[in-house]
């Protein structure tokens, strides 16, 4: 599924990504990375705005985080995966397993062996599904 989203994002970028008159396929990796860094900084500022209002006891809405920050993080992740030719299905599976294993070591209070096994079984099914010619 993640690799399919990456393909969709690639098509979108080809018709909607422009940086100083250059399309995404005309840019160097460092130019794309720098541009994504600027956008990530803007996203962090949006989160900071919500947290700052909370610190001052003002009413705040998380709608900007839900409707802008989270979807944009997905878009930027897909774009970077394309730039570096990352197999997102495999990378996500491996990273999730790493994070859970790390939690077992560093946060034993929260670690749950049965949930870790459940996650591993789901990830194994995803890999088997992919090997059968399907791609999530």
N, C-alpha and C. Protein backbone atom coordinates (compact mmCIF):
# COMPACT_ATOMS: atom_id res chain seq x y z
N UNK A 1 0.81 -1.19 0.00
CA UNK A 1 0.00 0.00 0.00
C UNK A 1 0.86 1.26 0.00
N UNK A 2 1.88 1.31 0.81
CA UNK A 2 2.71 2.50 0.89
C UNK A 2 3.43 2.78 -0.42
N UNK A 3 3.89 1.73 -1.08
CA UNK A 3 4.55 1.92 -2.37
C UNK A 3 3.56 2.41 -3.44
N UNK A 4 2.32 1.98 -3.34
CA UNK A 4 1.30 2.47 -4.29
C UNK A 4 1.05 3.96 -4.05
N UNK A 5 1.01 4.36 -2.78
CA UNK A 5 0.85 5.79 -2.47
C UNK A 5 2.03 6.59 -3.00
N UNK A 6 3.21 6.01 -2.91
CA UNK A 6 4.40 6.68 -3.44
C UNK A 6 4.25 6.91 -4.95
N UNK A 7 3.71 5.94 -5.67
CA UNK A 7 3.48 6.07 -7.11
C UNK A 7 2.47 7.17 -7.41
N UNK A 8 1.41 7.24 -6.62
CA UNK A 8 0.40 8.28 -6.80
C UNK A 8 1.03 9.65 -6.54
N UNK A 9 1.84 9.74 -5.49
CA UNK A 9 2.49 11.01 -5.16
C UNK A 9 3.44 11.44 -6.28
N UNK A 10 4.11 10.46 -6.88
CA UNK A 10 5.02 10.76 -7.99
C UNK A 10 4.26 11.42 -9.13
N UNK A 11 3.09 10.89 -9.47
CA UNK A 11 2.27 11.49 -10.52
C UNK A 11 1.82 12.90 -10.14
N UNK A 12 1.40 13.07 -8.91
CA UNK A 12 0.98 14.40 -8.44
C UNK A 12 2.14 15.39 -8.52
N UNK A 13 3.33 14.96 -8.11
CA UNK A 13 4.49 15.85 -8.12
C UNK A 13 4.85 16.28 -9.54
N UNK A 14 4.66 15.38 -10.49
CA UNK A 14 5.00 15.72 -11.87
C UNK A 14 4.14 16.83 -12.43
N UNK A 15 2.94 17.01 -11.89
CA UNK A 15 2.06 18.07 -12.40
C UNK A 15 1.90 19.24 -11.43
N UNK A 16 2.39 19.10 -10.19
CA UNK A 16 2.12 20.16 -9.22
C UNK A 16 3.36 20.69 -8.49
N UNK A 17 4.52 20.07 -8.68
CA UNK A 17 5.71 20.49 -7.94
C UNK A 17 6.53 21.42 -8.82
N UNK A 18 6.76 22.62 -8.34
CA UNK A 18 7.58 23.59 -9.06
C UNK A 18 8.44 24.34 -8.06
N UNK A 19 9.72 24.42 -8.35
CA UNK A 19 10.64 25.17 -7.50
C UNK A 19 11.46 26.06 -8.42
N UNK A 20 11.15 27.34 -8.39
CA UNK A 20 11.83 28.32 -9.25
C UNK A 20 11.82 27.93 -10.71
N UNK A 21 10.69 27.44 -11.17
CA UNK A 21 10.53 27.09 -12.57
C UNK A 21 10.99 25.69 -12.95
N UNK A 22 11.50 24.94 -11.98
CA UNK A 22 11.95 23.57 -12.24
C UNK A 22 11.00 22.55 -11.62
N UNK A 23 10.70 21.51 -12.40
CA UNK A 23 9.88 20.42 -11.88
C UNK A 23 10.73 19.50 -11.01
N UNK A 24 10.07 18.63 -10.30
CA UNK A 24 10.77 17.76 -9.35
C UNK A 24 11.82 16.88 -10.03
N UNK A 25 11.56 16.48 -11.27
CA UNK A 25 12.52 15.62 -11.98
C UNK A 25 13.74 16.37 -12.48
N UNK A 26 13.70 17.69 -12.41
CA UNK A 26 14.83 18.51 -12.87
C UNK A 26 15.73 18.98 -11.73
N UNK A 27 15.38 18.63 -10.52
CA UNK A 27 16.11 19.13 -9.34
C UNK A 27 17.12 18.11 -8.82
N UNK A 28 18.16 18.64 -8.20
CA UNK A 28 19.13 17.79 -7.52
C UNK A 28 18.54 17.36 -6.18
N UNK A 29 19.03 16.26 -5.67
CA UNK A 29 18.55 15.74 -4.38
C UNK A 29 18.65 16.77 -3.28
N UNK A 30 19.79 17.48 -3.21
CA UNK A 30 19.96 18.45 -2.12
C UNK A 30 18.96 19.61 -2.23
N UNK A 31 18.54 19.97 -3.45
CA UNK A 31 17.54 21.02 -3.62
C UNK A 31 16.19 20.57 -3.08
N UNK A 32 15.84 19.33 -3.37
CA UNK A 32 14.58 18.78 -2.87
C UNK A 32 14.62 18.67 -1.35
N UNK A 33 15.73 18.18 -0.82
CA UNK A 33 15.86 18.05 0.64
C UNK A 33 15.74 19.39 1.33
N UNK A 34 16.41 20.39 0.79
CA UNK A 34 16.35 21.72 1.39
C UNK A 34 14.92 22.26 1.36
N UNK A 35 14.25 22.08 0.25
CA UNK A 35 12.88 22.56 0.13
C UNK A 35 11.96 21.82 1.11
N UNK A 36 12.15 20.52 1.25
CA UNK A 36 11.34 19.74 2.21
C UNK A 36 11.63 20.19 3.64
N UNK A 37 12.89 20.52 3.92
CA UNK A 37 13.25 21.03 5.25
C UNK A 37 12.48 22.31 5.55
N UNK A 38 12.37 23.20 4.58
CA UNK A 38 11.60 24.43 4.78
C UNK A 38 10.15 24.10 5.11
N UNK A 39 9.58 23.17 4.35
CA UNK A 39 8.18 22.80 4.59
C UNK A 39 8.01 22.12 5.95
N UNK A 40 8.94 21.27 6.33
CA UNK A 40 8.87 20.62 7.65
C UNK A 40 8.96 21.66 8.77
N UNK A 41 9.78 22.66 8.57
CA UNK A 41 9.89 23.74 9.56
C UNK A 41 8.56 24.46 9.70
N UNK A 42 7.88 24.70 8.59
CA UNK A 42 6.56 25.33 8.64
C UNK A 42 5.56 24.45 9.40
N UNK A 43 5.66 23.14 9.20
CA UNK A 43 4.76 22.23 9.92
C UNK A 43 5.03 22.27 11.43
N UNK A 44 6.30 22.28 11.80
CA UNK A 44 6.65 22.35 13.22
C UNK A 44 6.13 23.65 13.83
N UNK A 45 6.17 24.73 13.06
CA UNK A 45 5.64 26.01 13.55
C UNK A 45 4.14 25.91 13.80
N UNK A 46 3.43 25.19 12.96
CA UNK A 46 1.99 25.01 13.17
C UNK A 46 1.71 24.25 14.46
N UNK A 47 2.51 23.24 14.73
CA UNK A 47 2.36 22.49 15.99
C UNK A 47 2.71 23.40 17.15
N UNK A 48 3.79 24.17 17.00
CA UNK A 48 4.21 25.10 18.04
C UNK A 48 3.14 26.13 18.35
N UNK A 49 2.43 26.58 17.35
CA UNK A 49 1.36 27.55 17.54
C UNK A 49 0.26 26.98 18.44
N UNK A 50 -0.09 25.74 18.22
CA UNK A 50 -1.11 25.10 19.05
C UNK A 50 -0.60 24.95 20.48
N UNK A 51 0.63 24.46 20.63
CA UNK A 51 1.18 24.26 21.97
C UNK A 51 1.35 25.57 22.73
N UNK A 52 1.75 26.62 22.02
CA UNK A 52 1.94 27.93 22.65
C UNK A 52 0.62 28.46 23.19
N UNK A 53 -0.44 28.31 22.42
CA UNK A 53 -1.76 28.76 22.90
C UNK A 53 -2.15 27.98 24.14
N UNK A 54 -1.89 26.68 24.14
CA UNK A 54 -2.19 25.85 25.30
C UNK A 54 -1.41 26.32 26.52
N UNK A 55 -0.13 26.66 26.34
CA UNK A 55 0.71 27.12 27.45
C UNK A 55 0.16 28.38 28.10
N UNK A 56 -0.53 29.19 27.31
CA UNK A 56 -1.07 30.45 27.83
C UNK A 56 -2.53 30.32 28.25
N UNK A 57 -3.02 29.08 28.27
CA UNK A 57 -4.39 28.85 28.71
C UNK A 57 -5.44 29.33 27.73
N UNK A 58 -5.03 29.58 26.49
CA UNK A 58 -5.99 30.03 25.49
C UNK A 58 -6.62 28.83 24.80
N UNK A 59 -7.80 29.07 24.26
CA UNK A 59 -8.44 28.00 23.49
C UNK A 59 -7.63 27.75 22.23
N UNK A 60 -7.56 26.51 21.87
CA UNK A 60 -6.83 26.17 20.67
C UNK A 60 -7.56 25.03 19.97
N UNK A 61 -7.29 24.92 18.70
CA UNK A 61 -7.89 23.87 17.90
C UNK A 61 -6.78 22.99 17.32
N UNK A 62 -7.02 21.71 17.30
CA UNK A 62 -6.06 20.79 16.70
C UNK A 62 -6.41 20.51 15.24
N UNK A 63 -7.40 21.22 14.70
CA UNK A 63 -7.83 21.01 13.32
C UNK A 63 -6.69 21.24 12.33
N UNK A 64 -5.86 22.24 12.59
CA UNK A 64 -4.74 22.52 11.69
C UNK A 64 -3.76 21.34 11.68
N UNK A 65 -3.56 20.73 12.83
CA UNK A 65 -2.68 19.56 12.90
C UNK A 65 -3.32 18.39 12.15
N UNK A 66 -4.60 18.18 12.38
CA UNK A 66 -5.30 17.06 11.75
C UNK A 66 -5.44 17.24 10.24
N UNK A 67 -5.73 18.46 9.80
CA UNK A 67 -6.05 18.69 8.40
C UNK A 67 -4.88 19.15 7.54
N UNK A 68 -3.81 19.62 8.16
CA UNK A 68 -2.67 20.12 7.40
C UNK A 68 -1.37 19.39 7.75
N UNK A 69 -1.03 19.36 9.01
CA UNK A 69 0.27 18.82 9.42
C UNK A 69 0.38 17.32 9.09
N UNK A 70 -0.56 16.54 9.53
CA UNK A 70 -0.48 15.09 9.34
C UNK A 70 -0.49 14.71 7.85
N UNK A 71 -1.44 15.24 7.06
CA UNK A 71 -1.40 14.89 5.63
C UNK A 71 -0.11 15.35 4.94
N UNK A 72 0.37 16.54 5.31
CA UNK A 72 1.61 17.03 4.70
C UNK A 72 2.81 16.17 5.08
N UNK A 73 2.84 15.68 6.30
CA UNK A 73 3.93 14.76 6.69
C UNK A 73 3.93 13.51 5.82
N UNK A 74 2.75 13.03 5.52
CA UNK A 74 2.64 11.85 4.64
C UNK A 74 3.16 12.21 3.25
N UNK A 75 2.73 13.34 2.73
CA UNK A 75 3.19 13.76 1.40
C UNK A 75 4.70 13.89 1.36
N UNK A 76 5.28 14.57 2.34
CA UNK A 76 6.73 14.78 2.34
C UNK A 76 7.48 13.45 2.49
N UNK A 77 6.94 12.55 3.28
CA UNK A 77 7.56 11.23 3.42
C UNK A 77 7.55 10.48 2.09
N UNK A 78 6.43 10.55 1.40
CA UNK A 78 6.33 9.88 0.10
C UNK A 78 7.29 10.51 -0.91
N UNK A 79 7.41 11.83 -0.87
CA UNK A 79 8.33 12.50 -1.79
C UNK A 79 9.78 12.11 -1.50
N UNK A 80 10.15 12.08 -0.25
CA UNK A 80 11.53 11.71 0.10
C UNK A 80 11.80 10.24 -0.22
N UNK A 81 10.79 9.40 -0.03
CA UNK A 81 10.96 7.98 -0.37
C UNK A 81 11.21 7.82 -1.87
N UNK A 82 10.57 8.65 -2.64
CA UNK A 82 10.80 8.62 -4.09
C UNK A 82 12.21 9.07 -4.42
N UNK A 83 12.64 10.17 -3.83
CA UNK A 83 13.97 10.72 -4.11
C UNK A 83 15.06 9.70 -3.81
N UNK A 84 14.89 8.96 -2.72
CA UNK A 84 15.91 8.00 -2.30
C UNK A 84 15.58 6.56 -2.68
N UNK A 85 14.53 6.38 -3.49
CA UNK A 85 14.13 5.06 -3.98
C UNK A 85 13.98 4.05 -2.83
N UNK A 86 13.15 4.43 -1.86
CA UNK A 86 12.93 3.60 -0.67
C UNK A 86 11.72 2.70 -0.89
N UNK A 87 11.87 1.43 -0.58
CA UNK A 87 10.74 0.51 -0.55
C UNK A 87 10.03 0.74 0.78
N UNK A 88 8.97 1.51 0.74
CA UNK A 88 8.30 1.91 1.98
C UNK A 88 7.69 0.75 2.73
N UNK A 89 7.19 -0.24 2.03
CA UNK A 89 6.60 -1.39 2.73
C UNK A 89 7.65 -2.07 3.60
N UNK A 90 8.79 -2.35 3.02
CA UNK A 90 9.86 -3.04 3.77
C UNK A 90 10.46 -2.14 4.85
N UNK A 91 10.70 -0.89 4.50
CA UNK A 91 11.32 0.03 5.45
C UNK A 91 10.41 0.25 6.65
N UNK A 92 9.12 0.42 6.39
CA UNK A 92 8.17 0.62 7.49
C UNK A 92 8.13 -0.62 8.39
N UNK A 93 8.05 -1.78 7.78
CA UNK A 93 8.02 -3.04 8.54
C UNK A 93 9.27 -3.16 9.41
N UNK A 94 10.43 -2.94 8.81
CA UNK A 94 11.70 -3.06 9.55
C UNK A 94 11.79 -2.03 10.67
N UNK A 95 11.37 -0.81 10.38
CA UNK A 95 11.46 0.25 11.39
C UNK A 95 10.51 0.00 12.55
N UNK A 96 9.32 -0.46 12.23
CA UNK A 96 8.36 -0.75 13.29
C UNK A 96 8.88 -1.86 14.20
N UNK A 97 9.45 -2.89 13.61
CA UNK A 97 10.01 -3.98 14.40
C UNK A 97 11.16 -3.46 15.27
N UNK A 98 11.99 -2.59 14.72
CA UNK A 98 13.09 -2.00 15.49
C UNK A 98 12.56 -1.20 16.68
N UNK A 99 11.56 -0.36 16.43
CA UNK A 99 11.01 0.49 17.50
C UNK A 99 10.43 -0.37 18.62
N UNK A 100 9.71 -1.42 18.25
CA UNK A 100 9.12 -2.29 19.27
C UNK A 100 10.22 -3.02 20.05
N UNK A 101 11.22 -3.52 19.33
CA UNK A 101 12.33 -4.20 20.01
C UNK A 101 13.06 -3.26 20.95
N UNK A 102 13.24 -2.02 20.53
CA UNK A 102 13.90 -1.01 21.36
C UNK A 102 13.06 -0.74 22.61
N UNK A 103 11.77 -0.72 22.43
CA UNK A 103 10.90 -0.45 23.58
C UNK A 103 11.01 -1.58 24.61
N UNK A 104 11.20 -2.80 24.13
CA UNK A 104 11.37 -3.94 25.04
C UNK A 104 12.58 -3.71 25.94
N UNK A 105 13.64 -3.18 25.34
CA UNK A 105 14.90 -2.95 26.07
C UNK A 105 14.82 -1.71 26.97
N UNK A 106 14.28 -0.62 26.42
CA UNK A 106 14.33 0.66 27.13
C UNK A 106 13.11 0.98 27.99
N UNK A 107 11.98 0.39 27.63
CA UNK A 107 10.74 0.69 28.35
C UNK A 107 10.01 -0.60 28.70
N UNK A 108 10.64 -1.45 29.49
CA UNK A 108 10.04 -2.75 29.78
C UNK A 108 8.66 -2.65 30.43
N UNK A 109 8.41 -1.56 31.12
CA UNK A 109 7.11 -1.36 31.77
C UNK A 109 5.98 -1.35 30.73
N UNK A 110 6.27 -0.83 29.54
CA UNK A 110 5.24 -0.71 28.51
C UNK A 110 5.25 -1.87 27.51
N UNK A 111 6.30 -2.63 27.53
CA UNK A 111 6.44 -3.70 26.54
C UNK A 111 5.44 -4.81 26.83
N UNK A 112 4.81 -5.27 25.77
CA UNK A 112 3.83 -6.35 25.87
C UNK A 112 4.19 -7.39 24.81
N UNK A 113 4.68 -8.54 25.26
CA UNK A 113 5.15 -9.57 24.34
C UNK A 113 4.05 -10.02 23.38
N UNK A 114 2.82 -10.16 23.88
CA UNK A 114 1.74 -10.64 23.01
C UNK A 114 1.42 -9.61 21.91
N UNK A 115 1.48 -8.33 22.25
CA UNK A 115 1.24 -7.30 21.23
C UNK A 115 2.39 -7.25 20.23
N UNK A 116 3.61 -7.46 20.71
CA UNK A 116 4.76 -7.50 19.80
C UNK A 116 4.60 -8.67 18.83
N UNK A 117 4.19 -9.80 19.33
CA UNK A 117 3.96 -10.97 18.47
C UNK A 117 2.85 -10.70 17.47
N UNK A 118 1.81 -10.03 17.93
CA UNK A 118 0.70 -9.70 17.03
C UNK A 118 1.17 -8.79 15.89
N UNK A 119 1.96 -7.78 16.23
CA UNK A 119 2.50 -6.87 15.21
C UNK A 119 3.38 -7.64 14.23
N UNK A 120 4.26 -8.51 14.76
CA UNK A 120 5.14 -9.29 13.89
C UNK A 120 4.34 -10.19 12.95
N UNK A 121 3.27 -10.79 13.45
CA UNK A 121 2.42 -11.64 12.61
C UNK A 121 1.74 -10.84 11.50
N UNK A 122 1.26 -9.65 11.83
CA UNK A 122 0.64 -8.80 10.81
C UNK A 122 1.67 -8.41 9.77
N UNK A 123 2.85 -8.01 10.22
CA UNK A 123 3.91 -7.62 9.28
C UNK A 123 4.32 -8.80 8.40
N UNK A 124 4.37 -9.99 8.98
CA UNK A 124 4.73 -11.19 8.21
C UNK A 124 3.69 -11.44 7.13
N UNK A 125 2.41 -11.26 7.46
CA UNK A 125 1.35 -11.46 6.47
C UNK A 125 1.47 -10.44 5.34
N UNK A 126 1.85 -9.22 5.68
CA UNK A 126 2.03 -8.20 4.66
C UNK A 126 3.14 -8.61 3.71
N UNK A 127 4.24 -9.10 4.25
CA UNK A 127 5.36 -9.52 3.41
C UNK A 127 4.95 -10.71 2.55
N UNK A 128 4.26 -11.69 3.12
CA UNK A 128 3.80 -12.84 2.37
C UNK A 128 2.84 -12.42 1.27
N UNK A 129 1.96 -11.47 1.58
CA UNK A 129 1.01 -10.95 0.61
C UNK A 129 1.76 -10.33 -0.56
N UNK A 130 2.79 -9.57 -0.26
CA UNK A 130 3.60 -8.94 -1.29
C UNK A 130 4.31 -10.00 -2.14
N UNK A 131 4.83 -11.04 -1.51
CA UNK A 131 5.54 -12.08 -2.24
C UNK A 131 4.61 -12.85 -3.17
N UNK A 132 3.32 -12.84 -2.87
CA UNK A 132 2.34 -13.50 -3.73
C UNK A 132 1.95 -12.62 -4.92
N UNK A 133 2.64 -11.50 -5.07
CA UNK A 133 2.39 -10.64 -6.21
C UNK A 133 1.49 -9.43 -5.90
N UNK A 134 1.08 -9.33 -4.67
CA UNK A 134 0.25 -8.19 -4.27
C UNK A 134 1.14 -7.19 -3.55
N UNK A 135 0.75 -5.95 -3.64
CA UNK A 135 1.51 -4.90 -2.97
C UNK A 135 0.53 -4.05 -2.18
N UNK A 136 0.78 -3.94 -0.91
CA UNK A 136 -0.09 -3.14 -0.06
C UNK A 136 0.03 -1.68 -0.43
